[in-house]
Amino acid sequence: MKILPFAVSIAICLLNSGCLSKPALVKETFALSGPGKLAAAAAASSLPPLGIKTFNVVPAYESRLFLYRVSDESFEMDPYAELLVPPSRLMPTVLRAHLRASGVFKSITEPGSSLAPALNAEVTVTEFYGDMRESHQPAAVLAMRIVVLEAAATVSAEPFFQGELSRRIPIRTRTAAAVAAGWNQALAEIADEFVSRMKSRP
C-alpha cells in the first residue's frame, strides 16, 4: 500500500518539472513576397500594357493551409501553417510586382484601373504544394498555365502567348518556412521565364 503514494508523488514531480509536457504548436502565417527592390525600367519598354484578366487556382490547391504531397496518390494539409489570404488573392499581386519590376511592359494594370491594357493574361495555377515524398529531397512545387490575348482580339483569335510554366525548388529542411521560401523563388523564376518568352516572341 506504500507503493501507490510513492508513484503519485513521482508523477506530480514529473508534471511539475515539465518532463511529460510537449512544446505547444503555434500556427504560422506566411505571405509570398515580390521583388525586394524594383528594377529600373528599360529606357523603352518593348511590350504594351498588360493586365491579369483572370487568376484561378484549381480547387485542390486553393486552401490557405499548406498542402504537402506525401506519396504519389496522397496529400496532407498542415493545420499549423497557412497563407495570409487564399492563393488566388495573394499570388496575382506578387506576380504583378515581378512583371512590373522587369521593366519590359509599358505598364502592368491593376484590377479596376481606368487604364485599359492592350494585352490580357489568363492565369491558372495547376500545381501548388510542398513535395515531401522523398525525405532527403523535399521541394516546393508551383506550376501555372498562362494564356495572353490581345484586348481587341476576337473569340476565335490565336493567343498572343500561351504556355505551361513550372518550377520545382529543392529545399533544405522539411519546414513550412522552407516551403514558403521555395514558393517565393518559384514564382519569381516563373515570372522571369514568362517575361523572357514574351520578349522573344516572334
C-alpha atoms as a PDB file:
ATOM      1  CA  MET A   1       0.000   0.000   0.000  1.00  0.00           C
ATOM      2  CA  LYS A   2       3.014   2.275   0.395  1.00  0.00           C
ATOM      3  CA  ILE A   3       3.834   1.998  -3.327  1.00  0.00           C
ATOM      4  CA  LEU A   4       0.783   3.990  -4.515  1.00  0.00           C
ATOM      5  CA  PRO A   5       1.595   7.301  -2.724  1.00  0.00           C
ATOM      6  CA  PHE A   6       5.183   6.998  -3.937  1.00  0.00           C
ATOM      7  CA  ALA A   7       4.042   6.552  -7.538  1.00  0.00           C
ATOM      8  CA  VAL A   8       1.682   9.515  -7.253  1.00  0.00           C
ATOM      9  CA  SER A   9       4.433  11.735  -5.873  1.00  0.00           C
ATOM     10  CA  ILE A  10       6.761  10.769  -8.748  1.00  0.00           C
ATOM     11  CA  ALA A  11       4.040  11.617 -11.290  1.00  0.00           C
ATOM     12  CA  ILE A  12       3.439  15.011  -9.665  1.00  0.00           C
ATOM     13  CA  CYS A  13       7.157  15.700  -9.693  1.00  0.00           C
ATOM     14  CA  LEU A  14       7.440  14.880 -13.393  1.00  0.00           C
ATOM     15  CA  LEU A  15       4.444  17.023 -14.272  1.00  0.00           C
ATOM     16  CA  ASN A  16       5.781  19.985 -12.313  1.00  0.00           C
ATOM     17  CA  SER A  17       9.191  19.676 -13.959  1.00  0.00           C
ATOM     18  CA  GLY A  18       7.655  19.594 -17.415  1.00  0.00           C
ATOM     19  CA  CYS A  19       9.061  16.166 -18.248  1.00  0.00           C
ATOM     20  CA  LEU A  20       5.693  14.961 -19.528  1.00  0.00           C
ATOM     21  CA  SER A  21       4.782  18.113 -21.417  1.00  0.00           C
ATOM     22  CA  LYS A  22       5.389  18.867 -25.113  1.00  0.00           C
ATOM     23  CA  PRO A  23       6.108  22.274 -26.649  1.00  0.00           C
ATOM     24  CA  ALA A  24       2.893  23.942 -27.761  1.00  0.00           C
ATOM     25  CA  LEU A  25       2.458  24.016 -31.520  1.00  0.00           C
ATOM     26  CA  VAL A  26       1.931  27.557 -32.768  1.00  0.00           C
ATOM     27  CA  LYS A  27       0.237  28.285 -36.077  1.00  0.00           C
ATOM     28  CA  GLU A  28       2.453  30.160 -38.561  1.00  0.00           C
ATOM     29  CA  THR A  29       1.097  32.533 -41.189  1.00  0.00           C
ATOM     30  CA  PHE A  30       3.034  33.366 -44.348  1.00  0.00           C
ATOM     31  CA  ALA A  31       2.712  35.855 -47.202  1.00  0.00           C
ATOM     32  CA  LEU A  32       4.501  35.443 -50.520  1.00  0.00           C
ATOM     33  CA  SER A  33       6.653  38.441 -51.369  1.00  0.00           C
ATOM     34  CA  GLY A  34       7.540  40.320 -54.527  1.00  0.00           C
ATOM     35  CA  PRO A  35      10.961  41.679 -55.520  1.00  0.00           C
ATOM     36  CA  GLY A  36      12.648  43.441 -52.644  1.00  0.00           C
ATOM     37  CA  LYS A  37      13.609  46.365 -54.841  1.00  0.00           C
ATOM     38  CA  LEU A  38      12.018  47.272 -58.141  1.00  0.00           C
ATOM     39  CA  ALA A  39      14.445  47.045 -61.021  1.00  0.00           C
ATOM     40  CA  ALA A  40      14.982  50.147 -63.120  1.00  0.00           C
ATOM     41  CA  ALA A  41      12.640  50.167 -66.091  1.00  0.00           C
ATOM     42  CA  ALA A  42      14.146  49.917 -69.543  1.00  0.00           C
ATOM     43  CA  ALA A  43      14.514  53.168 -71.481  1.00  0.00           C
ATOM     44  CA  ALA A  44      11.925  51.974 -73.980  1.00  0.00           C
ATOM     45  CA  SER A  45       9.593  49.209 -72.831  1.00  0.00           C
ATOM     46  CA  SER A  46       9.281  46.631 -75.564  1.00  0.00           C
ATOM     47  CA  LEU A  47       5.806  45.282 -74.755  1.00  0.00           C
ATOM     48  CA  PRO A  48       2.424  47.035 -74.438  1.00  0.00           C
ATOM     49  CA  PRO A  49       0.442  47.349 -71.174  1.00  0.00           C
ATOM     50  CA  LEU A  50      -0.522  44.007 -69.664  1.00  0.00           C
ATOM     51  CA  GLY A  51      -3.371  43.178 -67.333  1.00  0.00           C
ATOM     52  CA  ILE A  52      -4.130  39.953 -65.491  1.00  0.00           C
ATOM     53  CA  LYS A  53      -7.733  39.434 -66.529  1.00  0.00           C
ATOM     54  CA  THR A  54      -8.336  36.239 -64.578  1.00  0.00           C
ATOM     55  CA  PHE A  55      -6.290  34.357 -61.993  1.00  0.00           C
ATOM     56  CA  ASN A  56      -7.610  30.961 -60.935  1.00  0.00           C
ATOM     57  CA  VAL A  57      -6.248  28.211 -58.720  1.00  0.00           C
ATOM     58  CA  VAL A  58      -7.539  24.690 -59.246  1.00  0.00           C
ATOM     59  CA  PRO A  59      -9.727  23.774 -56.240  1.00  0.00           C
ATOM     60  CA  ALA A  60      -7.300  21.183 -54.852  1.00  0.00           C
ATOM     61  CA  TYR A  61      -4.702  23.907 -54.167  1.00  0.00           C
ATOM     62  CA  GLU A  62      -6.913  26.867 -53.193  1.00  0.00           C
ATOM     63  CA  SER A  63      -6.841  26.360 -49.417  1.00  0.00           C
ATOM     64  CA  ARG A  64      -4.898  28.756 -47.201  1.00  0.00           C
ATOM     65  CA  LEU A  65      -3.478  25.758 -45.317  1.00  0.00           C
ATOM     66  CA  PHE A  66      -0.173  24.437 -46.626  1.00  0.00           C
ATOM     67  CA  LEU A  67      -0.553  21.252 -48.650  1.00  0.00           C
ATOM     68  CA  TYR A  68       2.132  18.557 -48.682  1.00  0.00           C
ATOM     69  CA  ARG A  69       2.389  15.684 -51.107  1.00  0.00           C
ATOM     70  CA  VAL A  70       3.384  12.629 -49.096  1.00  0.00           C
ATOM     71  CA  SER A  71       3.017   9.946 -51.780  1.00  0.00           C
ATOM     72  CA  ASP A  72       2.150   9.727 -55.451  1.00  0.00           C
ATOM     73  CA  GLU A  73      -1.530   9.415 -54.551  1.00  0.00           C
ATOM     74  CA  SER A  74      -1.937  11.222 -51.234  1.00  0.00           C
ATOM     75  CA  PHE A  75      -1.651  14.721 -49.772  1.00  0.00           C
ATOM     76  CA  GLU A  76      -1.803  16.120 -46.243  1.00  0.00           C
ATOM     77  CA  MET A  77      -2.788  19.591 -45.038  1.00  0.00           C
ATOM     78  CA  ASP A  78      -0.724  21.292 -42.348  1.00  0.00           C
ATOM     79  CA  PRO A  79      -3.099  22.761 -39.733  1.00  0.00           C
ATOM     80  CA  TYR A  80      -0.229  24.820 -38.272  1.00  0.00           C
ATOM     81  CA  ALA A  81       0.902  26.627 -41.448  1.00  0.00           C
ATOM     82  CA  GLU A  82      -1.234  28.852 -43.645  1.00  0.00           C
ATOM     83  CA  LEU A  83      -1.108  31.708 -46.128  1.00  0.00           C
ATOM     84  CA  LEU A  84      -2.299  35.150 -45.074  1.00  0.00           C
ATOM     85  CA  VAL A  85      -5.043  35.046 -47.727  1.00  0.00           C
ATOM     86  CA  PRO A  86      -6.095  32.377 -50.264  1.00  0.00           C
ATOM     87  CA  PRO A  87      -3.611  31.738 -53.110  1.00  0.00           C
ATOM     88  CA  SER A  88      -5.942  33.160 -55.763  1.00  0.00           C
ATOM     89  CA  ARG A  89      -5.835  36.519 -53.979  1.00  0.00           C
ATOM     90  CA  LEU A  90      -2.197  36.509 -52.894  1.00  0.00           C
ATOM     91  CA  MET A  91      -0.303  35.341 -55.972  1.00  0.00           C
ATOM     92  CA  PRO A  92      -1.687  37.812 -58.552  1.00  0.00           C
ATOM     93  CA  THR A  93      -0.391  40.753 -56.502  1.00  0.00           C
ATOM     94  CA  VAL A  94       3.077  39.213 -56.238  1.00  0.00           C
ATOM     95  CA  LEU A  95       3.118  38.254 -59.922  1.00  0.00           C
ATOM     96  CA  ARG A  96       2.196  41.813 -60.947  1.00  0.00           C
ATOM     97  CA  ALA A  97       5.049  43.151 -58.813  1.00  0.00           C
ATOM     98  CA  HIS A  98       7.571  40.873 -60.545  1.00  0.00           C
ATOM     99  CA  LEU A  99       6.285  41.766 -64.016  1.00  0.00           C
ATOM    100  CA  ARG A 100       6.323  45.480 -63.189  1.00  0.00           C
ATOM    101  CA  ALA A 101       9.889  45.172 -61.903  1.00  0.00           C
ATOM    102  CA  SER A 102      11.049  43.659 -65.186  1.00  0.00           C
ATOM    103  CA  GLY A 103      10.529  46.995 -66.971  1.00  0.00           C
ATOM    104  CA  VAL A 104       9.575  45.128 -70.136  1.00  0.00           C
ATOM    105  CA  PHE A 105       5.906  46.139 -70.191  1.00  0.00           C
ATOM    106  CA  LYS A 106       4.841  49.741 -70.585  1.00  0.00           C
ATOM    107  CA  SER A 107       2.642  49.142 -67.567  1.00  0.00           C
ATOM    108  CA  ILE A 108       1.039  46.404 -65.510  1.00  0.00           C
ATOM    109  CA  THR A 109      -2.536  47.385 -64.825  1.00  0.00           C
ATOM    110  CA  GLU A 110      -4.324  46.761 -61.550  1.00  0.00           C
ATOM    111  CA  PRO A 111      -7.897  45.410 -61.301  1.00  0.00           C
ATOM    112  CA  GLY A 112     -10.394  48.206 -61.777  1.00  0.00           C
ATOM    113  CA  SER A 113      -7.804  50.549 -63.286  1.00  0.00           C
ATOM    114  CA  SER A 114      -9.047  53.156 -65.759  1.00  0.00           C
ATOM    115  CA  LEU A 115      -6.034  52.289 -67.929  1.00  0.00           C
ATOM    116  CA  ALA A 116      -7.126  49.674 -70.466  1.00  0.00           C
ATOM    117  CA  PRO A 117      -4.392  47.091 -71.132  1.00  0.00           C
ATOM    118  CA  ALA A 118      -3.536  46.077 -74.685  1.00  0.00           C
ATOM    119  CA  LEU A 119      -2.849  42.512 -73.541  1.00  0.00           C
ATOM    120  CA  ASN A 120      -4.862  40.380 -71.125  1.00  0.00           C
ATOM    121  CA  ALA A 121      -3.377  37.412 -69.286  1.00  0.00           C
ATOM    122  CA  GLU A 122      -5.454  34.493 -68.070  1.00  0.00           C
ATOM    123  CA  VAL A 123      -3.570  32.538 -65.411  1.00  0.00           C
ATOM    124  CA  THR A 124      -4.411  29.168 -63.862  1.00  0.00           C
ATOM    125  CA  VAL A 125      -2.327  27.632 -61.071  1.00  0.00           C
ATOM    126  CA  THR A 126      -2.253  23.893 -61.741  1.00  0.00           C
ATOM    127  CA  GLU A 127       0.171  22.769 -59.006  1.00  0.00           C
ATOM    128  CA  PHE A 128       0.959  24.335 -55.634  1.00  0.00           C
ATOM    129  CA  TYR A 129       2.289  22.172 -52.812  1.00  0.00           C
ATOM    130  CA  GLY A 130       5.282  21.068 -50.794  1.00  0.00           C
ATOM    131  CA  ASP A 131       6.652  17.773 -52.080  1.00  0.00           C
ATOM    132  CA  MET A 132       7.605  15.550 -49.133  1.00  0.00           C
ATOM    133  CA  ARG A 133       7.622  12.200 -50.921  1.00  0.00           C
ATOM    134  CA  GLU A 134      11.391  11.807 -50.562  1.00  0.00           C
ATOM    135  CA  SER A 135      12.685  12.564 -47.063  1.00  0.00           C
ATOM    136  CA  HIS A 136      16.101  13.623 -48.393  1.00  0.00           C
ATOM    137  CA  GLN A 137      14.748  15.643 -51.356  1.00  0.00           C
ATOM    138  CA  PRO A 138      11.865  17.892 -50.212  1.00  0.00           C
ATOM    139  CA  ALA A 139      10.800  20.604 -52.649  1.00  0.00           C
ATOM    140  CA  ALA A 140       8.365  23.443 -53.239  1.00  0.00           C
ATOM    141  CA  VAL A 141       6.300  22.956 -56.395  1.00  0.00           C
ATOM    142  CA  LEU A 142       4.459  25.619 -58.396  1.00  0.00           C
ATOM    143  CA  ALA A 143       3.034  25.379 -61.911  1.00  0.00           C
ATOM    144  CA  MET A 144       0.957  27.813 -63.968  1.00  0.00           C
ATOM    145  CA  ARG A 145      -0.785  27.883 -67.306  1.00  0.00           C
ATOM    146  CA  ILE A 146      -0.658  31.356 -68.829  1.00  0.00           C
ATOM    147  CA  VAL A 147      -2.595  32.493 -71.886  1.00  0.00           C
ATOM    148  CA  VAL A 148      -2.206  36.048 -73.184  1.00  0.00           C
ATOM    149  CA  LEU A 149      -4.728  37.538 -75.581  1.00  0.00           C
ATOM    150  CA  GLU A 150      -4.827  40.885 -77.308  1.00  0.00           C
ATOM    151  CA  ALA A 151      -7.552  43.005 -75.761  1.00  0.00           C
ATOM    152  CA  ALA A 152      -9.110  43.650 -79.151  1.00  0.00           C
ATOM    153  CA  ALA A 153      -8.898  40.019 -80.265  1.00  0.00           C
ATOM    154  CA  THR A 154     -11.991  38.132 -81.357  1.00  0.00           C
ATOM    155  CA  VAL A 155     -13.091  34.931 -79.649  1.00  0.00           C
ATOM    156  CA  SER A 156     -11.509  32.764 -82.352  1.00  0.00           C
ATOM    157  CA  ALA A 157      -8.215  34.680 -82.468  1.00  0.00           C
ATOM    158  CA  GLU A 158      -4.923  32.916 -81.790  1.00  0.00           C
ATOM    159  CA  PRO A 159      -3.414  33.689 -78.361  1.00  0.00           C
ATOM    160  CA  PHE A 160      -0.618  36.236 -78.257  1.00  0.00           C
ATOM    161  CA  PHE A 161       1.149  33.773 -75.929  1.00  0.00           C
ATOM    162  CA  GLN A 162       0.339  30.506 -74.201  1.00  0.00           C
ATOM    163  CA  GLY A 163       2.493  28.200 -72.168  1.00  0.00           C
ATOM    164  CA  GLU A 164       2.919  25.936 -69.155  1.00  0.00           C
ATOM    165  CA  LEU A 165       5.481  27.295 -66.713  1.00  0.00           C
ATOM    166  CA  SER A 166       6.574  25.314 -63.681  1.00  0.00           C
ATOM    167  CA  ARG A 167       9.270  25.130 -61.068  1.00  0.00           C
ATOM    168  CA  ARG A 168      10.371  22.520 -58.525  1.00  0.00           C
ATOM    169  CA  ILE A 169      12.607  24.247 -55.969  1.00  0.00           C
ATOM    170  CA  PRO A 170      14.658  21.955 -53.675  1.00  0.00           C
ATOM    171  CA  ILE A 171      14.507  22.996 -50.017  1.00  0.00           C
ATOM    172  CA  ARG A 172      16.946  22.154 -47.243  1.00  0.00           C
ATOM    173  CA  THR A 173      14.523  21.450 -44.428  1.00  0.00           C
ATOM    174  CA  ARG A 174      11.083  19.891 -44.182  1.00  0.00           C
ATOM    175  CA  THR A 175       9.523  23.012 -42.651  1.00  0.00           C
ATOM    176  CA  ALA A 176       6.703  25.357 -43.607  1.00  0.00           C
ATOM    177  CA  ALA A 177       9.119  28.297 -43.704  1.00  0.00           C
ATOM    178  CA  ALA A 178      11.334  26.482 -46.214  1.00  0.00           C
ATOM    179  CA  VAL A 179       8.322  25.609 -48.382  1.00  0.00           C
ATOM    180  CA  ALA A 180       7.146  29.241 -48.359  1.00  0.00           C
ATOM    181  CA  ALA A 181      10.627  30.428 -49.353  1.00  0.00           C
ATOM    182  CA  GLY A 182      10.645  27.857 -52.150  1.00  0.00           C
ATOM    183  CA  TRP A 183       7.295  29.090 -53.448  1.00  0.00           C
ATOM    184  CA  ASN A 184       8.614  32.652 -53.433  1.00  0.00           C
ATOM    185  CA  GLN A 185      11.598  31.598 -55.521  1.00  0.00           C
ATOM    186  CA  ALA A 186       9.426  29.544 -57.859  1.00  0.00           C
ATOM    187  CA  LEU A 187       7.048  32.439 -58.514  1.00  0.00           C
ATOM    188  CA  ALA A 188       9.946  34.813 -59.212  1.00  0.00           C
ATOM    189  CA  GLU A 189      11.539  32.356 -61.650  1.00  0.00           C
ATOM    190  CA  ILE A 190       8.237  31.706 -63.430  1.00  0.00           C
ATOM    191  CA  ALA A 191       7.722  35.464 -63.817  1.00  0.00           C
ATOM    192  CA  ASP A 192      11.234  35.799 -65.252  1.00  0.00           C
ATOM    193  CA  GLU A 193      10.630  32.960 -67.700  1.00  0.00           C
ATOM    194  CA  PHE A 194       7.311  34.454 -68.780  1.00  0.00           C
ATOM    195  CA  VAL A 195       8.945  37.834 -69.432  1.00  0.00           C
ATOM    196  CA  SER A 196      11.785  36.193 -71.363  1.00  0.00           C
ATOM    197  CA  ARG A 197       9.406  34.183 -73.539  1.00  0.00           C
ATOM    198  CA  MET A 198       7.229  37.222 -74.184  1.00  0.00           C
ATOM    199  CA  LYS A 199      10.278  39.227 -75.258  1.00  0.00           C
ATOM    200  CA  SER A 200      11.490  36.505 -77.628  1.00  0.00           C
ATOM    201  CA  ARG A 201       8.086  36.002 -79.178  1.00  0.00           C
ATOM    202  CA  PRO A 202       8.305  36.440 -82.992  1.00  0.00           C
END
